[in-house]
């Protein structure tokens, strides 16, 4: 994801330089225009990447029971009882990358 945003930043620099070099805009105007375009582009890219991650997770684990089958529930229960629910949720999300926070919290509470 960081690589995508680095690409967006590089595109912004190129666009600003082209606007100034071609005389289409002064430096200040070019920077403002490019900044707004990049903000909108970054927002759209972030939403798209989030959607892709969620779809990938749902393809692998359509239900919470599918997630539960591959877990060491006793270990998660031990972490929950010893360190608390937030730590157990972190551990679960480490074991199942891409798992939404709401699903992880629900599964930990159900243990």
PDB file of N, CA and C in Angstrom:
ATOM      1  N   UNK A   1       0.831  -1.185   0.000  1.00  0.00           N
ATOM      2  CA  UNK A   1       0.000   0.000   0.000  1.00  0.00           C
ATOM      3  C   UNK A   1       0.880   1.254   0.000  1.00  0.00           C
ATOM      4  N   UNK A   2       1.970   1.183   0.756  1.00  0.00           N
ATOM      5  CA  UNK A   2       2.890   2.311   0.795  1.00  0.00           C
ATOM      6  C   UNK A   2       3.477   2.565  -0.590  1.00  0.00           C
ATOM      7  N   UNK A   3       3.732   1.500  -1.319  1.00  0.00           N
ATOM      8  CA  UNK A   3       4.277   1.628  -2.667  1.00  0.00           C
ATOM      9  C   UNK A   3       3.290   2.352  -3.593  1.00  0.00           C
ATOM     10  N   UNK A   4       2.004   2.072  -3.439  1.00  0.00           N
ATOM     11  CA  UNK A   4       0.979   2.758  -4.245  1.00  0.00           C
ATOM     12  C   UNK A   4       0.984   4.251  -3.971  1.00  0.00           C
ATOM     13  N   UNK A   5       1.077   4.611  -2.695  1.00  0.00           N
ATOM     14  CA  UNK A   5       1.065   6.027  -2.357  1.00  0.00           C
ATOM     15  C   UNK A   5       2.357   6.719  -2.776  1.00  0.00           C
ATOM     16  N   UNK A   6       3.466   6.002  -2.786  1.00  0.00           N
ATOM     17  CA  UNK A   6       4.723   6.564  -3.300  1.00  0.00           C
ATOM     18  C   UNK A   6       4.581   6.837  -4.796  1.00  0.00           C
ATOM     19  N   UNK A   7       3.890   5.949  -5.499  1.00  0.00           N
ATOM     20  CA  UNK A   7       3.626   6.158  -6.921  1.00  0.00           C
ATOM     21  C   UNK A   7       2.751   7.375  -7.161  1.00  0.00           C
ATOM     22  N   UNK A   8       1.754   7.558  -6.310  1.00  0.00           N
ATOM     23  CA  UNK A   8       0.874   8.731  -6.418  1.00  0.00           C
ATOM     24  C   UNK A   8       1.680  10.004  -6.185  1.00  0.00           C
ATOM     25  N   UNK A   9       2.575   9.985  -5.212  1.00  0.00           N
ATOM     26  CA  UNK A   9       3.405  11.154  -4.930  1.00  0.00           C
ATOM     27  C   UNK A   9       4.323  11.473  -6.116  1.00  0.00           C
ATOM     28  N   UNK A  10       4.924  10.441  -6.692  1.00  0.00           N
ATOM     29  CA  UNK A  10       5.784  10.650  -7.857  1.00  0.00           C
ATOM     30  C   UNK A  10       4.991  11.242  -9.018  1.00  0.00           C
ATOM     31  N   UNK A  11       3.783  10.753  -9.226  1.00  0.00           N
ATOM     32  CA  UNK A  11       2.909  11.282 -10.269  1.00  0.00           C
ATOM     33  C   UNK A  11       2.591  12.757 -10.013  1.00  0.00           C
ATOM     34  N   UNK A  12       2.383  13.114  -8.754  1.00  0.00           N
ATOM     35  CA  UNK A  12       2.087  14.502  -8.405  1.00  0.00           C
ATOM     36  C   UNK A  12       3.261  15.414  -8.743  1.00  0.00           C
ATOM     37  N   UNK A  13       4.456  14.962  -8.430  1.00  0.00           N
ATOM     38  CA  UNK A  13       5.643  15.778  -8.720  1.00  0.00           C
ATOM     39  C   UNK A  13       5.790  15.976 -10.224  1.00  0.00           C
ATOM     40  N   UNK A  14       5.624  14.905 -10.983  1.00  0.00           N
ATOM     41  CA  UNK A  14       5.736  14.995 -12.441  1.00  0.00           C
ATOM     42  C   UNK A  14       4.669  15.938 -13.002  1.00  0.00           C
ATOM     43  N   UNK A  15       3.442  15.818 -12.518  1.00  0.00           N
ATOM     44  CA  UNK A  15       2.356  16.673 -13.009  1.00  0.00           C
ATOM     45  C   UNK A  15       2.632  18.143 -12.707  1.00  0.00           C
ATOM     46  N   UNK A  16       3.106  18.434 -11.501  1.00  0.00           N
ATOM     47  CA  UNK A  16       3.391  19.822 -11.134  1.00  0.00           C
ATOM     48  C   UNK A  16       4.516  20.387 -12.001  1.00  0.00           C
ATOM     49  N   UNK A  17       5.556  19.611 -12.214  1.00  0.00           N
ATOM     50  CA  UNK A  17       6.672  20.069 -13.049  1.00  0.00           C
ATOM     51  C   UNK A  17       6.207  20.321 -14.481  1.00  0.00           C
ATOM     52  N   UNK A  18       5.396  19.419 -15.020  1.00  0.00           N
ATOM     53  CA  UNK A  18       4.896  19.598 -16.385  1.00  0.00           C
ATOM     54  C   UNK A  18       4.030  20.847 -16.513  1.00  0.00           C
ATOM     55  N   UNK A  19       3.189  21.100 -15.521  1.00  0.00           N
ATOM     56  CA  UNK A  19       2.340  22.299 -15.571  1.00  0.00           C
ATOM     57  C   UNK A  19       3.185  23.572 -15.572  1.00  0.00           C
ATOM     58  N   UNK A  20       4.247  23.579 -14.786  1.00  0.00           N
ATOM     59  CA  UNK A  20       5.090  24.774 -14.698  1.00  0.00           C
ATOM     60  C   UNK A  20       5.969  24.911 -15.932  1.00  0.00           C
ATOM     61  N   UNK A  21       6.587  23.832 -16.378  1.00  0.00           N
ATOM     62  CA  UNK A  21       7.510  23.879 -17.516  1.00  0.00           C
ATOM     63  C   UNK A  21       6.792  24.261 -18.806  1.00  0.00           C
ATOM     64  N   UNK A  22       5.585  23.739 -18.992  1.00  0.00           N
ATOM     65  CA  UNK A  22       4.845  24.054 -20.221  1.00  0.00           C
ATOM     66  C   UNK A  22       4.201  25.435 -20.177  1.00  0.00           C
ATOM     67  N   UNK A  23       4.245  26.071 -19.016  1.00  0.00           N
ATOM     68  CA  UNK A  23       3.668  27.403 -18.891  1.00  0.00           C
ATOM     69  C   UNK A  23       2.163  27.390 -18.708  1.00  0.00           C
ATOM     70  N   UNK A  24       1.599  26.250 -18.435  1.00  0.00           N
ATOM     71  CA  UNK A  24       0.148  26.152 -18.251  1.00  0.00           C
ATOM     72  C   UNK A  24      -0.298  26.795 -16.941  1.00  0.00           C
ATOM     73  N   UNK A  25       0.614  26.858 -15.972  1.00  0.00           N
ATOM     74  CA  UNK A  25       0.250  27.451 -14.686  1.00  0.00           C
ATOM     75  C   UNK A  25       1.508  27.916 -13.970  1.00  0.00           C
ATOM     76  N   UNK A  26       1.320  28.861 -13.063  1.00  0.00           N
ATOM     77  CA  UNK A  26       2.427  29.284 -12.209  1.00  0.00           C
ATOM     78  C   UNK A  26       2.660  28.198 -11.165  1.00  0.00           C
ATOM     79  N   UNK A  27       3.793  28.249 -10.508  1.00  0.00           N
ATOM     80  CA  UNK A  27       4.165  27.209  -9.552  1.00  0.00           C
ATOM     81  C   UNK A  27       3.118  27.039  -8.453  1.00  0.00           C
ATOM     82  N   UNK A  28       2.694  28.137  -7.860  1.00  0.00           N
ATOM     83  CA  UNK A  28       1.736  28.053  -6.759  1.00  0.00           C
ATOM     84  C   UNK A  28       0.410  27.451  -7.214  1.00  0.00           C
ATOM     85  N   UNK A  29      -0.098  27.882  -8.328  1.00  0.00           N
ATOM     86  CA  UNK A  29      -1.353  27.357  -8.871  1.00  0.00           C
ATOM     87  C   UNK A  29      -1.217  25.882  -9.223  1.00  0.00           C
ATOM     88  N   UNK A  30      -0.098  25.529  -9.842  1.00  0.00           N
ATOM     89  CA  UNK A  30       0.139  24.134 -10.216  1.00  0.00           C
ATOM     90  C   UNK A  30       0.165  23.241  -8.983  1.00  0.00           C
ATOM     91  N   UNK A  31       0.811  23.698  -7.923  1.00  0.00           N
ATOM     92  CA  UNK A  31       0.883  22.894  -6.697  1.00  0.00           C
ATOM     93  C   UNK A  31      -0.491  22.696  -6.062  1.00  0.00           C
ATOM     94  N   UNK A  32      -1.298  23.743  -6.050  1.00  0.00           N
ATOM     95  CA  UNK A  32      -2.640  23.637  -5.459  1.00  0.00           C
ATOM     96  C   UNK A  32      -3.508  22.678  -6.274  1.00  0.00           C
ATOM     97  N   UNK A  33      -3.478  22.831  -7.588  1.00  0.00           N
ATOM     98  CA  UNK A  33      -4.284  21.961  -8.454  1.00  0.00           C
ATOM     99  C   UNK A  33      -3.846  20.507  -8.304  1.00  0.00           C
ATOM    100  N   UNK A  34      -2.552  20.269  -8.379  1.00  0.00           N
ATOM    101  CA  UNK A  34      -2.037  18.904  -8.267  1.00  0.00           C
ATOM    102  C   UNK A  34      -2.332  18.336  -6.881  1.00  0.00           C
ATOM    103  N   UNK A  35      -2.204  19.145  -5.844  1.00  0.00           N
ATOM    104  CA  UNK A  35      -2.485  18.667  -4.485  1.00  0.00           C
ATOM    105  C   UNK A  35      -3.928  18.182  -4.361  1.00  0.00           C
ATOM    106  N   UNK A  36      -4.876  18.957  -4.880  1.00  0.00           N
ATOM    107  CA  UNK A  36      -6.283  18.557  -4.785  1.00  0.00           C
ATOM    108  C   UNK A  36      -6.570  17.293  -5.598  1.00  0.00           C
ATOM    109  N   UNK A  37      -5.999  17.218  -6.766  1.00  0.00           N
ATOM    110  CA  UNK A  37      -6.185  16.020  -7.593  1.00  0.00           C
ATOM    111  C   UNK A  37      -5.603  14.803  -6.881  1.00  0.00           C
ATOM    112  N   UNK A  38      -4.436  14.949  -6.280  1.00  0.00           N
ATOM    113  CA  UNK A  38      -3.792  13.828  -5.593  1.00  0.00           C
ATOM    114  C   UNK A  38      -4.552  13.424  -4.333  1.00  0.00           C
ATOM    115  N   UNK A  39      -5.137  14.382  -3.633  1.00  0.00           N
ATOM    116  CA  UNK A  39      -5.958  14.043  -2.463  1.00  0.00           C
ATOM    117  C   UNK A  39      -7.121  13.158  -2.900  1.00  0.00           C
ATOM    118  N   UNK A  40      -7.797  13.565  -3.954  1.00  0.00           N
ATOM    119  CA  UNK A  40      -8.927  12.780  -4.447  1.00  0.00           C
ATOM    120  C   UNK A  40      -8.475  11.414  -4.967  1.00  0.00           C
ATOM    121  N   UNK A  41      -7.377  11.384  -5.681  1.00  0.00           N
ATOM    122  CA  UNK A  41      -6.844  10.126  -6.194  1.00  0.00           C
ATOM    123  C   UNK A  41      -6.416   9.200  -5.057  1.00  0.00           C
ATOM    124  N   UNK A  42      -5.778   9.748  -4.035  1.00  0.00           N
ATOM    125  CA  UNK A  42      -5.354   8.943  -2.884  1.00  0.00           C
ATOM    126  C   UNK A  42      -6.555   8.372  -2.141  1.00  0.00           C
ATOM    127  N   UNK A  43      -7.591   9.175  -1.986  1.00  0.00           N
ATOM    128  CA  UNK A  43      -8.806   8.695  -1.325  1.00  0.00           C
ATOM    129  C   UNK A  43      -9.410   7.532  -2.109  1.00  0.00           C
ATOM    130  N   UNK A  44      -9.522   7.695  -3.415  1.00  0.00           N
ATOM    131  CA  UNK A  44     -10.071   6.626  -4.249  1.00  0.00           C
ATOM    132  C   UNK A  44      -9.213   5.374  -4.219  1.00  0.00           C
ATOM    133  N   UNK A  45      -7.907   5.534  -4.260  1.00  0.00           N
ATOM    134  CA  UNK A  45      -6.988   4.396  -4.199  1.00  0.00           C
ATOM    135  C   UNK A  45      -7.100   3.667  -2.864  1.00  0.00           C
ATOM    136  N   UNK A  46      -7.203   4.421  -1.797  1.00  0.00           N
ATOM    137  CA  UNK A  46      -7.349   3.818  -0.465  1.00  0.00           C
ATOM    138  C   UNK A  46      -8.639   3.003  -0.374  1.00  0.00           C
ATOM    139  N   UNK A  47      -9.724   3.555  -0.868  1.00  0.00           N
ATOM    140  CA  UNK A  47     -11.014   2.839  -0.846  1.00  0.00           C
ATOM    141  C   UNK A  47     -10.936   1.563  -1.689  1.00  0.00           C
ATOM    142  N   UNK A  48     -10.305   1.649  -2.854  1.00  0.00           N
ATOM    143  CA  UNK A  48     -10.194   0.490  -3.733  1.00  0.00           C
ATOM    144  C   UNK A  48      -9.350  -0.603  -3.077  1.00  0.00           C
ATOM    145  N   UNK A  49      -8.212  -0.228  -2.486  1.00  0.00           N
ATOM    146  CA  UNK A  49      -7.355  -1.215  -1.831  1.00  0.00           C
ATOM    147  C   UNK A  49      -8.061  -1.870  -0.639  1.00  0.00           C
ATOM    148  N   UNK A  50      -8.815  -1.096   0.120  1.00  0.00           N
ATOM    149  CA  UNK A  50      -9.576  -1.642   1.244  1.00  0.00           C
ATOM    150  C   UNK A  50     -10.610  -2.640   0.747  1.00  0.00           C
ATOM    151  N   UNK A  51     -11.287  -2.296  -0.332  1.00  0.00           N
ATOM    152  CA  UNK A  51     -12.289  -3.197  -0.915  1.00  0.00           C
ATOM    153  C   UNK A  51     -11.634  -4.496  -1.395  1.00  0.00           C
ATOM    154  N   UNK A  52     -10.479  -4.389  -2.046  1.00  0.00           N
ATOM    155  CA  UNK A  52      -9.776  -5.576  -2.532  1.00  0.00           C
ATOM    156  C   UNK A  52      -9.367  -6.484  -1.374  1.00  0.00           C
ATOM    157  N   UNK A  53      -8.860  -5.887  -0.297  1.00  0.00           N
ATOM    158  CA  UNK A  53      -8.449  -6.668   0.877  1.00  0.00           C
ATOM    159  C   UNK A  53      -9.651  -7.382   1.502  1.00  0.00           C
ATOM    160  N   UNK A  54     -10.773  -6.678   1.589  1.00  0.00           N
ATOM    161  CA  UNK A  54     -11.978  -7.279   2.166  1.00  0.00           C
ATOM    162  C   UNK A  54     -12.482  -8.433   1.296  1.00  0.00           C
ATOM    163  N   UNK A  55     -12.465  -8.242  -0.021  1.00  0.00           N
ATOM    164  CA  UNK A  55     -12.907  -9.308  -0.929  1.00  0.00           C
ATOM    165  C   UNK A  55     -12.008 -10.536  -0.827  1.00  0.00           C
ATOM    166  N   UNK A  56     -10.699 -10.317  -0.715  1.00  0.00           N
ATOM    167  CA  UNK A  56      -9.757 -11.416  -0.584  1.00  0.00           C
ATOM    168  C   UNK A  56     -10.025 -12.201   0.708  1.00  0.00           C
ATOM    169  N   UNK A  57     -10.284 -11.477   1.803  1.00  0.00           N
ATOM    170  CA  UNK A  57     -10.596 -12.111   3.081  1.00  0.00           C
ATOM    171  C   UNK A  57     -11.890 -12.920   2.975  1.00  0.00           C
ATOM    172  N   UNK A  58     -12.930 -12.325   2.380  1.00  0.00           N
ATOM    173  CA  UNK A  58     -14.223 -13.008   2.271  1.00  0.00           C
ATOM    174  C   UNK A  58     -14.155 -14.224   1.359  1.00  0.00           C
ATOM    175  N   UNK A  59     -13.267 -14.204   0.379  1.00  0.00           N
ATOM    176  CA  UNK A  59     -13.083 -15.368  -0.479  1.00  0.00           C
ATOM    177  C   UNK A  59     -12.465 -16.524   0.297  1.00  0.00           C
ATOM    178  N   UNK A  60     -11.502 -16.205   1.149  1.00  0.00           N
ATOM    179  CA  UNK A  60     -10.842 -17.241   1.946  1.00  0.00           C
ATOM    180  C   UNK A  60     -11.703 -17.727   3.105  1.00  0.00           C
ATOM    181  N   UNK A  61     -12.427 -16.797   3.740  1.00  0.00           N
ATOM    182  CA  UNK A  61     -13.212 -17.117   4.939  1.00  0.00           C
ATOM    183  C   UNK A  61     -14.619 -16.531   4.821  1.00  0.00           C
ATOM    184  N   UNK A  62     -15.533 -17.240   4.133  1.00  0.00           N
ATOM    185  CA  UNK A  62     -16.892 -16.700   3.963  1.00  0.00           C
ATOM    186  C   UNK A  62     -17.648 -16.528   5.284  1.00  0.00           C
ATOM    187  N   UNK A  63     -17.359 -17.373   6.283  1.00  0.00           N
ATOM    188  CA  UNK A  63     -18.045 -17.263   7.575  1.00  0.00           C
ATOM    189  C   UNK A  63     -17.015 -17.293   8.700  1.00  0.00           C
ATOM    190  N   UNK A  64     -17.441 -16.900   9.894  1.00  0.00           N
ATOM    191  CA  UNK A  64     -16.546 -16.957  11.045  1.00  0.00           C
ATOM    192  C   UNK A  64     -16.204 -18.399  11.419  1.00  0.00           C
ATOM    193  N   UNK A  65     -17.092 -19.329  11.107  1.00  0.00           N
ATOM    194  CA  UNK A  65     -16.790 -20.742  11.371  1.00  0.00           C
ATOM    195  C   UNK A  65     -15.600 -21.208  10.543  1.00  0.00           C
ATOM    196  N   UNK A  66     -15.464 -20.687   9.320  1.00  0.00           N
ATOM    197  CA  UNK A  66     -14.311 -21.026   8.486  1.00  0.00           C
ATOM    198  C   UNK A  66     -13.013 -20.520   9.115  1.00  0.00           C
ATOM    199  N   UNK A  67     -13.065 -19.354   9.722  1.00  0.00           N
ATOM    200  CA  UNK A  67     -11.895 -18.812  10.414  1.00  0.00           C
ATOM    201  C   UNK A  67     -11.590 -19.666  11.643  1.00  0.00           C
ATOM    202  N   UNK A  68     -12.643 -19.977  12.374  1.00  0.00           N
ATOM    203  CA  UNK A  68     -12.503 -20.701  13.641  1.00  0.00           C
ATOM    204  C   UNK A  68     -11.842 -22.071  13.445  1.00  0.00           C
ATOM    205  N   UNK A  69     -12.092 -22.722  12.315  1.00  0.00           N
ATOM    206  CA  UNK A  69     -11.538 -24.059  12.066  1.00  0.00           C
ATOM    207  C   UNK A  69     -10.011 -24.083  12.080  1.00  0.00           C
ATOM    208  N   UNK A  70      -9.390 -23.005  11.654  1.00  0.00           N
ATOM    209  CA  UNK A  70      -7.928 -22.992  11.565  1.00  0.00           C
ATOM    210  C   UNK A  70      -7.239 -22.360  12.757  1.00  0.00           C
ATOM    211  N   UNK A  71      -7.984 -22.056  13.807  1.00  0.00           N
ATOM    212  CA  UNK A  71      -7.409 -21.352  14.952  1.00  0.00           C
ATOM    213  C   UNK A  71      -7.101 -22.285  16.111  1.00  0.00           C
ATOM    214  N   UNK A  72      -6.145 -21.874  16.907  1.00  0.00           N
ATOM    215  CA  UNK A  72      -5.890 -22.519  18.186  1.00  0.00           C
ATOM    216  C   UNK A  72      -6.695 -21.728  19.215  1.00  0.00           C
ATOM    217  N   UNK A  73      -7.947 -22.151  19.416  1.00  0.00           N
ATOM    218  CA  UNK A  73      -8.852 -21.402  20.283  1.00  0.00           C
ATOM    219  C   UNK A  73      -8.368 -21.355  21.724  1.00  0.00           C
ATOM    220  N   UNK A  74      -7.742 -22.440  22.194  1.00  0.00           N
ATOM    221  CA  UNK A  74      -7.252 -22.458  23.577  1.00  0.00           C
ATOM    222  C   UNK A  74      -6.175 -21.394  23.792  1.00  0.00           C
ATOM    223  N   UNK A  75      -5.288 -21.243  22.816  1.00  0.00           N
ATOM    224  CA  UNK A  75      -4.232 -20.230  22.935  1.00  0.00           C
ATOM    225  C   UNK A  75      -4.829 -18.825  22.938  1.00  0.00           C
ATOM    226  N   UNK A  76      -5.802 -18.590  22.066  1.00  0.00           N
ATOM    227  CA  UNK A  76      -6.449 -17.268  22.043  1.00  0.00           C
ATOM    228  C   UNK A  76      -7.217 -17.001  23.335  1.00  0.00           C
ATOM    229  N   UNK A  77      -7.879 -18.013  23.858  1.00  0.00           N
ATOM    230  CA  UNK A  77      -8.601 -17.881  25.117  1.00  0.00           C
ATOM    231  C   UNK A  77      -7.631 -17.535  26.250  1.00  0.00           C
ATOM    232  N   UNK A  78      -6.457 -18.174  26.235  1.00  0.00           N
ATOM    233  CA  UNK A  78      -5.440 -17.904  27.252  1.00  0.00           C
ATOM    234  C   UNK A  78      -4.960 -16.456  27.156  1.00  0.00           C
ATOM    235  N   UNK A  79      -4.694 -15.987  25.931  1.00  0.00           N
ATOM    236  CA  UNK A  79      -4.271 -14.598  25.738  1.00  0.00           C
ATOM    237  C   UNK A  79      -5.368 -13.653  26.207  1.00  0.00           C
ATOM    238  N   UNK A  80      -6.602 -13.955  25.859  1.00  0.00           N
ATOM    239  CA  UNK A  80      -7.729 -13.099  26.263  1.00  0.00           C
ATOM    240  C   UNK A  80      -7.844 -13.019  27.781  1.00  0.00           C
ATOM    241  N   UNK A  81      -7.748 -14.172  28.454  1.00  0.00           N
ATOM    242  CA  UNK A  81      -7.911 -14.193  29.911  1.00  0.00           C
ATOM    243  C   UNK A  81      -6.724 -13.561  30.623  1.00  0.00           C
ATOM    244  N   UNK A  82      -5.524 -13.730  30.070  1.00  0.00           N
ATOM    245  CA  UNK A  82      -4.315 -13.222  30.717  1.00  0.00           C
ATOM    246  C   UNK A  82      -4.081 -11.739  30.410  1.00  0.00           C
ATOM    247  N   UNK A  83      -4.217 -11.355  29.125  1.00  0.00           N
ATOM    248  CA  UNK A  83      -3.839 -10.006  28.699  1.00  0.00           C
ATOM    249  C   UNK A  83      -5.016  -9.108  28.336  1.00  0.00           C
ATOM    250  N   UNK A  84      -6.196  -9.679  28.209  1.00  0.00           N
ATOM    251  CA  UNK A  84      -7.367  -8.882  27.872  1.00  0.00           C
ATOM    252  C   UNK A  84      -7.819  -9.065  26.430  1.00  0.00           C
ATOM    253  N   UNK A  85      -9.017  -8.599  26.180  1.00  0.00           N
ATOM    254  CA  UNK A  85      -9.639  -8.749  24.859  1.00  0.00           C
ATOM    255  C   UNK A  85      -8.854  -8.028  23.755  1.00  0.00           C
ATOM    256  N   UNK A  86      -8.414  -6.781  23.972  1.00  0.00           N
ATOM    257  CA  UNK A  86      -7.694  -6.102  22.880  1.00  0.00           C
ATOM    258  C   UNK A  86      -6.444  -6.866  22.425  1.00  0.00           C
ATOM    259  N   UNK A  87      -5.701  -7.428  23.365  1.00  0.00           N
ATOM    260  CA  UNK A  87      -4.506  -8.174  22.987  1.00  0.00           C
ATOM    261  C   UNK A  87      -4.880  -9.457  22.235  1.00  0.00           C
ATOM    262  N   UNK A  88      -5.958 -10.105  22.649  1.00  0.00           N
ATOM    263  CA  UNK A  88      -6.406 -11.319  21.957  1.00  0.00           C
ATOM    264  C   UNK A  88      -6.860 -10.985  20.532  1.00  0.00           C
ATOM    265  N   UNK A  89      -7.511  -9.848  20.367  1.00  0.00           N
ATOM    266  CA  UNK A  89      -7.938  -9.419  19.033  1.00  0.00           C
ATOM    267  C   UNK A  89      -6.714  -9.152  18.160  1.00  0.00           C
ATOM    268  N   UNK A  90      -5.692  -8.499  18.721  1.00  0.00           N
ATOM    269  CA  UNK A  90      -4.454  -8.259  17.961  1.00  0.00           C
ATOM    270  C   UNK A  90      -3.810  -9.571  17.539  1.00  0.00           C
ATOM    271  N   UNK A  91      -3.767 -10.520  18.463  1.00  0.00           N
ATOM    272  CA  UNK A  91      -3.166 -11.821  18.154  1.00  0.00           C
ATOM    273  C   UNK A  91      -3.955 -12.537  17.063  1.00  0.00           C
ATOM    274  N   UNK A  92      -5.264 -12.484  17.143  1.00  0.00           N
ATOM    275  CA  UNK A  92      -6.106 -13.120  16.131  1.00  0.00           C
ATOM    276  C   UNK A  92      -5.878 -12.483  14.761  1.00  0.00           C
ATOM    277  N   UNK A  93      -5.815 -11.170  14.724  1.00  0.00           N
ATOM    278  CA  UNK A  93      -5.597 -10.483  13.444  1.00  0.00           C
ATOM    279  C   UNK A  93      -4.182 -10.709  12.914  1.00  0.00           C
ATOM    280  N   UNK A  94      -3.239 -11.007  13.803  1.00  0.00           N
ATOM    281  CA  UNK A  94      -1.898 -11.369  13.347  1.00  0.00           C
ATOM    282  C   UNK A  94      -1.930 -12.745  12.696  1.00  0.00           C
ATOM    283  N   UNK A  95      -2.728 -13.652  13.276  1.00  0.00           N
ATOM    284  CA  UNK A  95      -2.842 -15.011  12.737  1.00  0.00           C
ATOM    285  C   UNK A  95      -3.658 -15.049  11.446  1.00  0.00           C
ATOM    286  N   UNK A  96      -4.632 -14.162  11.329  1.00  0.00           N
ATOM    287  CA  UNK A  96      -5.509 -14.125  10.153  1.00  0.00           C
ATOM    288  C   UNK A  96      -5.416 -12.731   9.534  1.00  0.00           C
ATOM    289  N   UNK A  97      -4.383 -12.482   8.716  1.00  0.00           N
ATOM    290  CA  UNK A  97      -4.216 -11.155   8.107  1.00  0.00           C
ATOM    291  C   UNK A  97      -5.438 -10.777   7.250  1.00  0.00           C
ATOM    292  N   UNK A  98      -5.818  -9.535   7.351  1.00  0.00           N
ATOM    293  CA  UNK A  98      -6.947  -9.052   6.565  1.00  0.00           C
ATOM    294  C   UNK A  98      -8.283  -9.190   7.271  1.00  0.00           C
ATOM    295  N   UNK A  99      -8.287  -9.828   8.437  1.00  0.00           N
ATOM    296  CA  UNK A  99      -9.549 -10.013   9.155  1.00  0.00           C
ATOM    297  C   UNK A  99     -10.038  -8.659   9.684  1.00  0.00           C
ATOM    298  N   UNK A 100     -11.291  -8.314   9.397  1.00  0.00           N
ATOM    299  CA  UNK A 100     -11.830  -7.042   9.896  1.00  0.00           C
ATOM    300  C   UNK A 100     -11.859  -7.017  11.424  1.00  0.00           C
ATOM    301  N   UNK A 101     -11.647  -5.845  11.973  1.00  0.00           N
ATOM    302  CA  UNK A 101     -11.623  -5.674  13.418  1.00  0.00           C
ATOM    303  C   UNK A 101     -12.929  -6.132  14.066  1.00  0.00           C
ATOM    304  N   UNK A 102     -14.052  -5.831  13.436  1.00  0.00           N
ATOM    305  CA  UNK A 102     -15.343  -6.208  14.020  1.00  0.00           C
ATOM    306  C   UNK A 102     -15.489  -7.728  14.105  1.00  0.00           C
ATOM    307  N   UNK A 103     -15.051  -8.437  13.053  1.00  0.00           N
ATOM    308  CA  UNK A 103     -15.123  -9.898  13.074  1.00  0.00           C
ATOM    309  C   UNK A 103     -14.196 -10.481  14.127  1.00  0.00           C
ATOM    310  N   UNK A 104     -13.004  -9.920  14.240  1.00  0.00           N
ATOM    311  CA  UNK A 104     -12.035 -10.411  15.231  1.00  0.00           C
ATOM    312  C   UNK A 104     -12.562 -10.209  16.648  1.00  0.00           C
ATOM    313  N   UNK A 105     -13.127  -9.039  16.917  1.00  0.00           N
ATOM    314  CA  UNK A 105     -13.663  -8.776  18.253  1.00  0.00           C
ATOM    315  C   UNK A 105     -14.831  -9.720  18.564  1.00  0.00           C
ATOM    316  N   UNK A 106     -15.683  -9.933  17.598  1.00  0.00           N
ATOM    317  CA  UNK A 106     -16.823 -10.823  17.802  1.00  0.00           C
ATOM    318  C   UNK A 106     -16.350 -12.253  18.087  1.00  0.00           C
ATOM    319  N   UNK A 107     -15.388 -12.726  17.311  1.00  0.00           N
ATOM    320  CA  UNK A 107     -14.892 -14.087  17.495  1.00  0.00           C
ATOM    321  C   UNK A 107     -14.218 -14.238  18.861  1.00  0.00           C
ATOM    322  N   UNK A 108     -13.437 -13.257  19.294  1.00  0.00           N
ATOM    323  CA  UNK A 108     -12.766 -13.330  20.596  1.00  0.00           C
ATOM    324  C   UNK A 108     -13.801 -13.345  21.718  1.00  0.00           C
ATOM    325  N   UNK A 109     -14.847 -12.558  21.597  1.00  0.00           N
ATOM    326  CA  UNK A 109     -15.893 -12.545  22.642  1.00  0.00           C
ATOM    327  C   UNK A 109     -16.614 -13.886  22.695  1.00  0.00           C
ATOM    328  N   UNK A 110     -16.742 -14.567  21.550  1.00  0.00           N
ATOM    329  CA  UNK A 110     -17.459 -15.849  21.506  1.00  0.00           C
ATOM    330  C   UNK A 110     -16.634 -17.031  22.019  1.00  0.00           C
ATOM    331  N   UNK A 111     -15.319 -16.830  22.199  1.00  0.00           N
ATOM    332  CA  UNK A 111     -14.479 -17.951  22.664  1.00  0.00           C
ATOM    333  C   UNK A 111     -14.864 -18.390  24.066  1.00  0.00           C
TER     334      UNK A 111
END
